[in-house]
PDB file of N, CA and C in Angstrom:
ATOM      1  N   MET A   1      -9.386 -10.308 -24.506  1.00  0.00           N
ATOM      2  CA  MET A   1      -8.741 -10.607 -23.488  1.00  0.00           C
ATOM      3  C   MET A   1      -7.386 -11.512 -23.380  1.00  0.00           C
ATOM      4  N   TYR A   2      -7.793 -12.899 -24.121  1.00  0.00           N
ATOM      5  CA  TYR A   2      -6.950 -14.092 -23.727  1.00  0.00           C
ATOM      6  C   TYR A   2      -5.205 -12.512 -23.825  1.00  0.00           C
ATOM      7  N   SER A   3      -4.827 -12.241 -24.899  1.00  0.00           N
ATOM      8  CA  SER A   3      -3.780 -12.140 -25.109  1.00  0.00           C
ATOM      9  C   SER A   3      -3.094 -11.602 -23.605  1.00  0.00           C
ATOM     10  N   LYS A   4      -4.636 -10.784 -23.178  1.00  0.00           N
ATOM     11  CA  LYS A   4      -3.671  -9.578 -22.248  1.00  0.00           C
ATOM     12  C   LYS A   4      -4.091 -10.373 -21.159  1.00  0.00           C
ATOM     13  N   GLN A   5      -4.550 -11.446 -20.608  1.00  0.00           N
ATOM     14  CA  GLN A   5      -4.694 -12.091 -19.841  1.00  0.00           C
ATOM     15  C   GLN A   5      -2.719 -12.994 -19.499  1.00  0.00           C
ATOM     16  N   PHE A   6      -2.907 -13.511 -21.024  1.00  0.00           N
ATOM     17  CA  PHE A   6      -2.337 -14.475 -21.586  1.00  0.00           C
ATOM     18  C   PHE A   6      -0.485 -13.283 -21.277  1.00  0.00           C
ATOM     19  N   GLU A   7      -0.329 -12.167 -21.509  1.00  0.00           N
ATOM     20  CA  GLU A   7       0.855 -11.481 -21.069  1.00  0.00           C
ATOM     21  C   GLU A   7       1.223 -11.746 -19.778  1.00  0.00           C
ATOM     22  N   THR A   8      -0.476 -11.061 -18.799  1.00  0.00           N
ATOM     23  CA  THR A   8      -0.068 -10.808 -17.847  1.00  0.00           C
ATOM     24  C   THR A   8       0.667 -12.155 -16.761  1.00  0.00           C
ATOM     25  N   ASN A   9      -0.118 -13.210 -17.449  1.00  0.00           N
ATOM     26  CA  ASN A   9       0.732 -14.651 -16.535  1.00  0.00           C
ATOM     27  C   ASN A   9       1.663 -14.847 -16.830  1.00  0.00           C
ATOM     28  N   ARG A  10       2.378 -14.749 -17.916  1.00  0.00           N
ATOM     29  CA  ARG A  10       3.499 -14.577 -18.369  1.00  0.00           C
ATOM     30  C   ARG A  10       4.262 -14.166 -17.787  1.00  0.00           C
ATOM     31  N   ASN A  11       4.384 -12.100 -17.681  1.00  0.00           N
ATOM     32  CA  ASN A  11       4.753 -11.816 -17.200  1.00  0.00           C
ATOM     33  C   ASN A  11       5.560 -12.326 -15.121  1.00  0.00           C
ATOM     34  N   TYR A  12       3.829 -12.239 -15.132  1.00  0.00           N
ATOM     35  CA  TYR A  12       3.976 -12.732 -12.968  1.00  0.00           C
ATOM     36  C   TYR A  12       4.692 -14.175 -13.085  1.00  0.00           C
ATOM     37  N   ASN A  13       4.394 -15.174 -13.961  1.00  0.00           N
ATOM     38  CA  ASN A  13       5.391 -16.815 -13.731  1.00  0.00           C
ATOM     39  C   ASN A  13       6.413 -16.153 -13.916  1.00  0.00           C
ATOM     40  N   SER A  14       7.219 -15.830 -15.151  1.00  0.00           N
ATOM     41  CA  SER A  14       8.608 -16.290 -15.327  1.00  0.00           C
ATOM     42  C   SER A  14       9.728 -14.945 -13.567  1.00  0.00           C
ATOM     43  N   SER A  15       8.585 -14.116 -13.894  1.00  0.00           N
ATOM     44  CA  SER A  15       8.822 -13.613 -12.628  1.00  0.00           C
ATOM     45  C   SER A  15       9.191 -14.068 -11.767  1.00  0.00           C
ATOM     46  N   ARG A  16       8.254 -14.542 -10.614  1.00  0.00           N
ATOM     47  CA  ARG A  16       7.678 -15.189 -10.073  1.00  0.00           C
ATOM     48  C   ARG A  16       8.882 -16.623  -9.348  1.00  0.00           C
ATOM     49  N   VAL A  17       8.801 -17.457 -10.446  1.00  0.00           N
ATOM     50  CA  VAL A  17      10.108 -18.871 -10.974  1.00  0.00           C
ATOM     51  C   VAL A  17      11.397 -17.631 -10.933  1.00  0.00           C
ATOM     52  N   ILE A  18      12.173 -16.788 -11.024  1.00  0.00           N
ATOM     53  CA  ILE A  18      12.918 -16.306 -10.611  1.00  0.00           C
ATOM     54  C   ILE A  18      13.242 -15.846  -9.286  1.00  0.00           C
ATOM     55  N   VAL A  19      12.153 -15.610  -8.915  1.00  0.00           N
ATOM     56  CA  VAL A  19      12.198 -14.769  -7.309  1.00  0.00           C
ATOM     57  C   VAL A  19      12.581 -16.453  -6.456  1.00  0.00           C
ATOM     58  N   GLU A  20      11.245 -17.431  -6.349  1.00  0.00           N
ATOM     59  CA  GLU A  20      11.931 -18.798  -5.662  1.00  0.00           C
ATOM     60  C   GLU A  20      12.050 -19.479  -6.102  1.00  0.00           C
ATOM     61  N   GLY A  21      13.264 -19.274  -7.135  1.00  0.00           N
ATOM     62  CA  GLY A  21      14.353 -20.721  -7.001  1.00  0.00           C
ATOM     63  C   GLY A  21      16.060 -19.959  -6.798  1.00  0.00           C
ATOM     64  N   GLY A  22      15.189 -19.338  -6.052  1.00  0.00           N
ATOM     65  CA  GLY A  22      16.649 -18.368  -5.271  1.00  0.00           C
ATOM     66  C   GLY A  22      17.929 -18.139  -6.411  1.00  0.00           C
ATOM     67  N   ILE A  23      17.693 -17.486  -7.315  1.00  0.00           N
ATOM     68  CA  ILE A  23      18.263 -17.097  -8.184  1.00  0.00           C
ATOM     69  C   ILE A  23      18.544 -15.678  -7.479  1.00  0.00           C
ATOM     70  N   ASP A  24      20.067 -15.706  -7.113  1.00  0.00           N
ATOM     71  CA  ASP A  24      20.321 -14.525  -6.123  1.00  0.00           C
ATOM     72  C   ASP A  24      21.871 -14.020  -6.466  1.00  0.00           C
ATOM     73  N   MET A  25      22.122 -14.620  -7.758  1.00  0.00           N
ATOM     74  CA  MET A  25      22.977 -14.093  -9.080  1.00  0.00           C
ATOM     75  C   MET A  25      23.818 -13.075 -10.257  1.00  0.00           C
ATOM     76  N   LEU A  26      21.735 -13.425 -10.574  1.00  0.00           N
ATOM     77  CA  LEU A  26      22.561 -12.407 -11.653  1.00  0.00           C
ATOM     78  C   LEU A  26      21.418 -11.314 -11.262  1.00  0.00           C
ATOM     79  N   ASP A  27      21.645 -10.629 -11.529  1.00  0.00           N
ATOM     80  CA  ASP A  27      20.813  -8.886 -11.202  1.00  0.00           C
ATOM     81  C   ASP A  27      19.023  -8.580 -12.430  1.00  0.00           C
ATOM     82  N   GLU A  28      18.417  -8.246 -12.147  1.00  0.00           N
ATOM     83  CA  GLU A  28      17.475  -8.020 -13.158  1.00  0.00           C
ATOM     84  C   GLU A  28      16.766  -7.820 -14.784  1.00  0.00           C
ATOM     85  N   GLN A  29      18.031  -6.813 -14.790  1.00  0.00           N
ATOM     86  CA  GLN A  29      18.403  -6.280 -15.380  1.00  0.00           C
ATOM     87  C   GLN A  29      18.998  -7.842 -16.392  1.00  0.00           C
ATOM     88  N   GLU A  30      20.333  -7.963 -16.248  1.00  0.00           N
ATOM     89  CA  GLU A  30      20.282  -8.693 -17.009  1.00  0.00           C
ATOM     90  C   GLU A  30      19.142 -10.074 -17.462  1.00  0.00           C
ATOM     91  N   ILE A  31      18.570 -10.715 -16.082  1.00  0.00           N
ATOM     92  CA  ILE A  31      17.141 -11.974 -16.303  1.00  0.00           C
ATOM     93  C   ILE A  31      16.808 -11.272 -17.723  1.00  0.00           C
ATOM     94  N   ASN A  32      16.421 -10.175 -17.678  1.00  0.00           N
ATOM     95  CA  ASN A  32      14.848  -9.415 -18.810  1.00  0.00           C
ATOM     96  C   ASN A  32      15.597  -9.148 -20.326  1.00  0.00           C
ATOM     97  N   LYS A  33      17.445  -8.862 -20.338  1.00  0.00           N
ATOM     98  CA  LYS A  33      17.256  -9.350 -21.484  1.00  0.00           C
ATOM     99  C   LYS A  33      17.706 -10.861 -21.739  1.00  0.00           C
ATOM    100  N   ILE A  34      17.964 -11.747 -21.438  1.00  0.00           N
ATOM    101  CA  ILE A  34      17.709 -12.812 -21.688  1.00  0.00           C
ATOM    102  C   ILE A  34      15.995 -13.553 -21.626  1.00  0.00           C
ATOM    103  N   ARG A  35      15.201 -12.650 -21.302  1.00  0.00           N
ATOM    104  CA  ARG A  35      13.833 -13.201 -21.267  1.00  0.00           C
ATOM    105  C   ARG A  35      13.921 -12.626 -22.456  1.00  0.00           C
ATOM    106  N   LYS A  36      13.688 -10.890 -22.956  1.00  0.00           N
ATOM    107  CA  LYS A  36      13.413 -10.461 -24.135  1.00  0.00           C
ATOM    108  C   LYS A  36      14.012 -11.560 -25.913  1.00  0.00           C
ATOM    109  N   VAL A  37      14.865 -11.742 -25.047  1.00  0.00           N
ATOM    110  CA  VAL A  37      15.921 -12.539 -26.081  1.00  0.00           C
ATOM    111  C   VAL A  37      15.418 -13.818 -26.827  1.00  0.00           C
ATOM    112  N   ILE A  38      14.941 -14.952 -25.620  1.00  0.00           N
ATOM    113  CA  ILE A  38      14.458 -16.197 -25.895  1.00  0.00           C
ATOM    114  C   ILE A  38      12.808 -15.820 -26.931  1.00  0.00           C
ATOM    115  N   GLU A  39      12.815 -14.436 -26.454  1.00  0.00           N
ATOM    116  CA  GLU A  39      11.195 -14.494 -26.559  1.00  0.00           C
ATOM    117  C   GLU A  39      10.499 -13.955 -27.916  1.00  0.00           C
ATOM    118  N   GLN A  40      11.725 -13.857 -27.915  1.00  0.00           N
ATOM    119  CA  GLN A  40      11.966 -13.237 -30.089  1.00  0.00           C
ATOM    120  C   GLN A  40      12.104 -14.610 -30.296  1.00  0.00           C
ATOM    121  N   GLU A  41      12.969 -15.510 -29.673  1.00  0.00           N
ATOM    122  CA  GLU A  41      13.271 -16.766 -30.460  1.00  0.00           C
ATOM    123  C   GLU A  41      12.012 -17.505 -30.523  1.00  0.00           C
ATOM    124  N   PHE A  42      11.079 -18.000 -29.820  1.00  0.00           N
ATOM    125  CA  PHE A  42      10.166 -18.364 -29.722  1.00  0.00           C
ATOM    126  C   PHE A  42       8.734 -17.437 -28.994  1.00  0.00           C
ATOM    127  N   PRO A  43       8.449 -17.056 -30.228  1.00  0.00           N
ATOM    128  CA  PRO A  43       7.081 -16.205 -30.162  1.00  0.00           C
ATOM    129  C   PRO A  43       6.463 -16.421 -29.175  1.00  0.00           C
ATOM    130  N   ASN A  44       5.458 -17.384 -30.197  1.00  0.00           N
ATOM    131  CA  ASN A  44       4.411 -18.554 -30.299  1.00  0.00           C
ATOM    132  C   ASN A  44       4.132 -19.875 -29.522  1.00  0.00           C
ATOM    133  N   ASP A  45       5.204 -19.529 -28.160  1.00  0.00           N
ATOM    134  CA  ASP A  45       5.544 -20.838 -27.299  1.00  0.00           C
ATOM    135  C   ASP A  45       5.803 -20.736 -25.817  1.00  0.00           C
ATOM    136  N   ILE A  46       5.065 -20.596 -25.184  1.00  0.00           N
ATOM    137  CA  ILE A  46       5.453 -19.983 -23.880  1.00  0.00           C
ATOM    138  C   ILE A  46       6.380 -21.378 -22.732  1.00  0.00           C
ATOM    139  N   ALA A  47       5.672 -22.102 -23.356  1.00  0.00           N
ATOM    140  CA  ALA A  47       7.115 -23.436 -22.327  1.00  0.00           C
ATOM    141  C   ALA A  47       7.917 -23.112 -22.525  1.00  0.00           C
ATOM    142  N   LEU A  48       8.004 -23.844 -24.208  1.00  0.00           N
ATOM    143  CA  LEU A  48       9.583 -23.873 -25.226  1.00  0.00           C
ATOM    144  C   LEU A  48      10.683 -22.619 -24.479  1.00  0.00           C
ATOM    145  N   GLN A  49       9.891 -20.521 -24.245  1.00  0.00           N
ATOM    146  CA  GLN A  49      10.668 -20.193 -23.555  1.00  0.00           C
ATOM    147  C   GLN A  49      10.833 -19.875 -22.222  1.00  0.00           C
ATOM    148  N   GLN A  50       9.808 -20.671 -21.247  1.00  0.00           N
ATOM    149  CA  GLN A  50      10.779 -20.975 -20.274  1.00  0.00           C
ATOM    150  C   GLN A  50      11.296 -21.440 -19.830  1.00  0.00           C
ATOM    151  N   ILE A  51      11.111 -22.727 -20.825  1.00  0.00           N
ATOM    152  CA  ILE A  51      12.330 -23.226 -20.661  1.00  0.00           C
ATOM    153  C   ILE A  51      13.683 -23.098 -20.594  1.00  0.00           C
ATOM    154  N   HIS A  52      13.320 -22.278 -22.066  1.00  0.00           N
ATOM    155  CA  HIS A  52      15.213 -21.621 -22.296  1.00  0.00           C
ATOM    156  C   HIS A  52      15.625 -20.615 -21.630  1.00  0.00           C
ATOM    157  N   ILE A  53      14.794 -20.114 -20.718  1.00  0.00           N
ATOM    158  CA  ILE A  53      14.695 -18.809 -20.147  1.00  0.00           C
ATOM    159  C   ILE A  53      15.946 -19.690 -19.689  1.00  0.00           C
ATOM    160  N   ALA A  54      14.780 -20.910 -17.903  1.00  0.00           N
ATOM    161  CA  ALA A  54      15.348 -21.105 -17.359  1.00  0.00           C
ATOM    162  C   ALA A  54      16.885 -22.028 -18.111  1.00  0.00           C
ATOM    163  N   ARG A  55      17.458 -22.206 -19.079  1.00  0.00           N
ATOM    164  CA  ARG A  55      18.999 -23.185 -19.285  1.00  0.00           C
ATOM    165  C   ARG A  55      19.161 -22.215 -19.834  1.00  0.00           C
ATOM    166  N   LYS A  56      19.001 -21.134 -20.330  1.00  0.00           N
ATOM    167  CA  LYS A  56      20.491 -19.187 -19.781  1.00  0.00           C
ATOM    168  C   LYS A  56      20.737 -19.155 -18.582  1.00  0.00           C
ATOM    169  N   ILE A  57      19.658 -18.416 -17.731  1.00  0.00           N
ATOM    170  CA  ILE A  57      20.324 -18.619 -16.290  1.00  0.00           C
ATOM    171  C   ILE A  57      21.092 -19.620 -15.608  1.00  0.00           C
ATOM    172  N   ILE A  58      20.758 -20.898 -15.711  1.00  0.00           N
ATOM    173  CA  ILE A  58      21.716 -21.959 -14.869  1.00  0.00           C
ATOM    174  C   ILE A  58      23.098 -21.857 -15.420  1.00  0.00           C
ATOM    175  N   ALA A  59      22.709 -21.381 -16.935  1.00  0.00           N
ATOM    176  CA  ALA A  59      24.327 -21.738 -17.739  1.00  0.00           C
ATOM    177  C   ALA A  59      25.228 -20.236 -17.488  1.00  0.00           C
ATOM    178  N   ARG A  60      24.340 -19.160 -17.516  1.00  0.00           N
ATOM    179  CA  ARG A  60      25.023 -18.127 -16.627  1.00  0.00           C
ATOM    180  C   ARG A  60      25.883 -17.875 -15.553  1.00  0.00           C
ATOM    181  N   GLU A  61      24.571 -19.059 -14.500  1.00  0.00           N
ATOM    182  CA  GLU A  61      25.134 -18.850 -13.460  1.00  0.00           C
ATOM    183  C   GLU A  61      26.635 -19.446 -13.022  1.00  0.00           C
ATOM    184  N   ALA A  62      26.605 -20.821 -13.908  1.00  0.00           N
ATOM    185  CA  ALA A  62      27.583 -22.232 -14.085  1.00  0.00           C
ATOM    186  C   ALA A  62      28.835 -20.999 -14.953  1.00  0.00           C
ATOM    187  N   GLU A  63      28.328 -19.749 -15.639  1.00  0.00           N
ATOM    188  CA  GLU A  63      30.040 -19.401 -16.484  1.00  0.00           C
ATOM    189  C   GLU A  63      29.905 -18.699 -15.089  1.00  0.00           C
ATOM    190  N   MET A  64      29.571 -17.957 -14.167  1.00  0.00           N
ATOM    191  CA  MET A  64      30.019 -17.361 -13.967  1.00  0.00           C
ATOM    192  C   MET A  64      30.895 -17.944 -12.372  1.00  0.00           C
ATOM    193  N   LYS A  65      30.898 -19.114 -12.067  1.00  0.00           N
ATOM    194  CA  LYS A  65      30.313 -19.942 -11.493  1.00  0.00           C
ATOM    195  C   LYS A  65      32.330 -20.480 -11.097  1.00  0.00           C
ATOM    196  N   GLY A  66      32.329 -20.314 -12.917  1.00  0.00           N
ATOM    197  CA  GLY A  66      33.771 -20.877 -13.279  1.00  0.00           C
ATOM    198  C   GLY A  66      33.332 -22.583 -13.740  1.00  0.00           C
ATOM    199  N   LEU A  67      32.394 -22.878 -14.400  1.00  0.00           N
ATOM    200  CA  LEU A  67      31.902 -24.320 -13.877  1.00  0.00           C
ATOM    201  C   LEU A  67      31.594 -24.630 -15.596  1.00  0.00           C
ATOM    202  N   LYS A  68      31.691 -25.450 -15.644  1.00  0.00           N
ATOM    203  CA  LYS A  68      30.952 -25.811 -16.988  1.00  0.00           C
ATOM    204  C   LYS A  68      29.331 -26.599 -16.631  1.00  0.00           C
ATOM    205  N   TYR A  69      27.732 -26.416 -17.867  1.00  0.00           N
ATOM    206  CA  TYR A  69      27.385 -26.239 -17.410  1.00  0.00           C
ATOM    207  C   TYR A  69      26.202 -27.988 -16.414  1.00  0.00           C
ATOM    208  N   LEU A  70      26.947 -28.883 -17.778  1.00  0.00           N
ATOM    209  CA  LEU A  70      26.569 -30.342 -16.522  1.00  0.00           C
ATOM    210  C   LEU A  70      27.662 -30.095 -15.788  1.00  0.00           C
ATOM    211  N   ASP A  71      28.266 -29.654 -15.455  1.00  0.00           N
ATOM    212  CA  ASP A  71      29.031 -29.624 -13.909  1.00  0.00           C
ATOM    213  C   ASP A  71      28.230 -29.468 -12.829  1.00  0.00           C
ATOM    214  N   TYR A  72      27.953 -28.072 -13.180  1.00  0.00           N
ATOM    215  CA  TYR A  72      26.803 -27.109 -12.493  1.00  0.00           C
ATOM    216  C   TYR A  72      25.871 -27.928 -12.274  1.00  0.00           C
ATOM    217  N   ILE A  73      25.058 -28.605 -12.971  1.00  0.00           N
ATOM    218  CA  ILE A  73      23.747 -28.704 -13.097  1.00  0.00           C
ATOM    219  C   ILE A  73      24.055 -30.209 -12.180  1.00  0.00           C
ATOM    220  N   LYS A  74      24.886 -30.845 -12.203  1.00  0.00           N
ATOM    221  CA  LYS A  74      25.749 -32.120 -10.986  1.00  0.00           C
ATOM    222  C   LYS A  74      25.713 -31.437  -9.272  1.00  0.00           C
ATOM    223  N   ILE A  75      26.376 -30.874  -9.524  1.00  0.00           N
ATOM    224  CA  ILE A  75      25.998 -29.801  -7.960  1.00  0.00           C
ATOM    225  C   ILE A  75      24.885 -29.246  -7.556  1.00  0.00           C
ATOM    226  N   LEU A  76      23.700 -29.177  -8.325  1.00  0.00           N
ATOM    227  CA  LEU A  76      22.762 -28.501  -7.919  1.00  0.00           C
ATOM    228  C   LEU A  76      21.623 -29.898  -7.542  1.00  0.00           C
ATOM    229  N   THR A  77      22.199 -30.791  -8.562  1.00  0.00           N
ATOM    230  CA  THR A  77      21.076 -31.866  -8.387  1.00  0.00           C
ATOM    231  C   THR A  77      21.532 -32.491  -6.862  1.00  0.00           C
ATOM    232  N   LYS A  78      23.128 -32.416  -6.545  1.00  0.00           N
ATOM    233  CA  LYS A  78      23.634 -32.860  -5.276  1.00  0.00           C
ATOM    234  C   LYS A  78      23.058 -32.223  -4.598  1.00  0.00           C
ATOM    235  N   ASP A  79      22.919 -30.867  -4.958  1.00  0.00           N
ATOM    236  CA  ASP A  79      22.256 -29.939  -3.421  1.00  0.00           C
ATOM    237  C   ASP A  79      20.906 -30.968  -3.098  1.00  0.00           C
ATOM    238  N   ILE A  80      20.282 -30.703  -3.801  1.00  0.00           N
ATOM    239  CA  ILE A  80      18.585 -31.221  -3.769  1.00  0.00           C
ATOM    240  C   ILE A  80      18.154 -32.837  -3.373  1.00  0.00           C
ATOM    241  N   LYS A  81      19.204 -33.749  -3.613  1.00  0.00           N
ATOM    242  CA  LYS A  81      19.024 -35.038  -2.770  1.00  0.00           C
ATOM    243  C   LYS A  81      19.354 -34.484  -1.751  1.00  0.00           C
ATOM    244  N   THR A  82      20.496 -34.225  -1.351  1.00  0.00           N
ATOM    245  CA  THR A  82      20.844 -33.992  -0.017  1.00  0.00           C
ATOM    246  C   THR A  82      19.995 -32.942   1.212  1.00  0.00           C
ATOM    247  N   ILE A  83      18.900 -32.187   0.343  1.00  0.00           N
ATOM    248  CA  ILE A  83      18.189 -31.369   0.962  1.00  0.00           C
ATOM    249  C   ILE A  83      16.695 -32.570   1.229  1.00  0.00           C
ATOM    250  N   GLN A  84      16.641 -33.562  -0.361  1.00  0.00           N
ATOM    251  CA  GLN A  84      15.447 -34.413   0.680  1.00  0.00           C
ATOM    252  C   GLN A  84      16.184 -35.583   1.614  1.00  0.00           C
TER     253      GLN A  84
END
């Protein structure tokens, strides 16, 4: 019972975070590839999986925009500060 619930929550949460985060640059297929690789690297730790999935997605977005990872993060945080 726990593993089924865990599996369902894991898939739901991953998809939900991606949708709410407004990630429109990557298609669902590419995100699923990232997720599968990370799940194999960290099979028993969902927290690490989510952190690394997010990092990989951000790194991929930065690459698609022709920016370095840290430069892209600075732009994202600057936008967040402007909104607040």
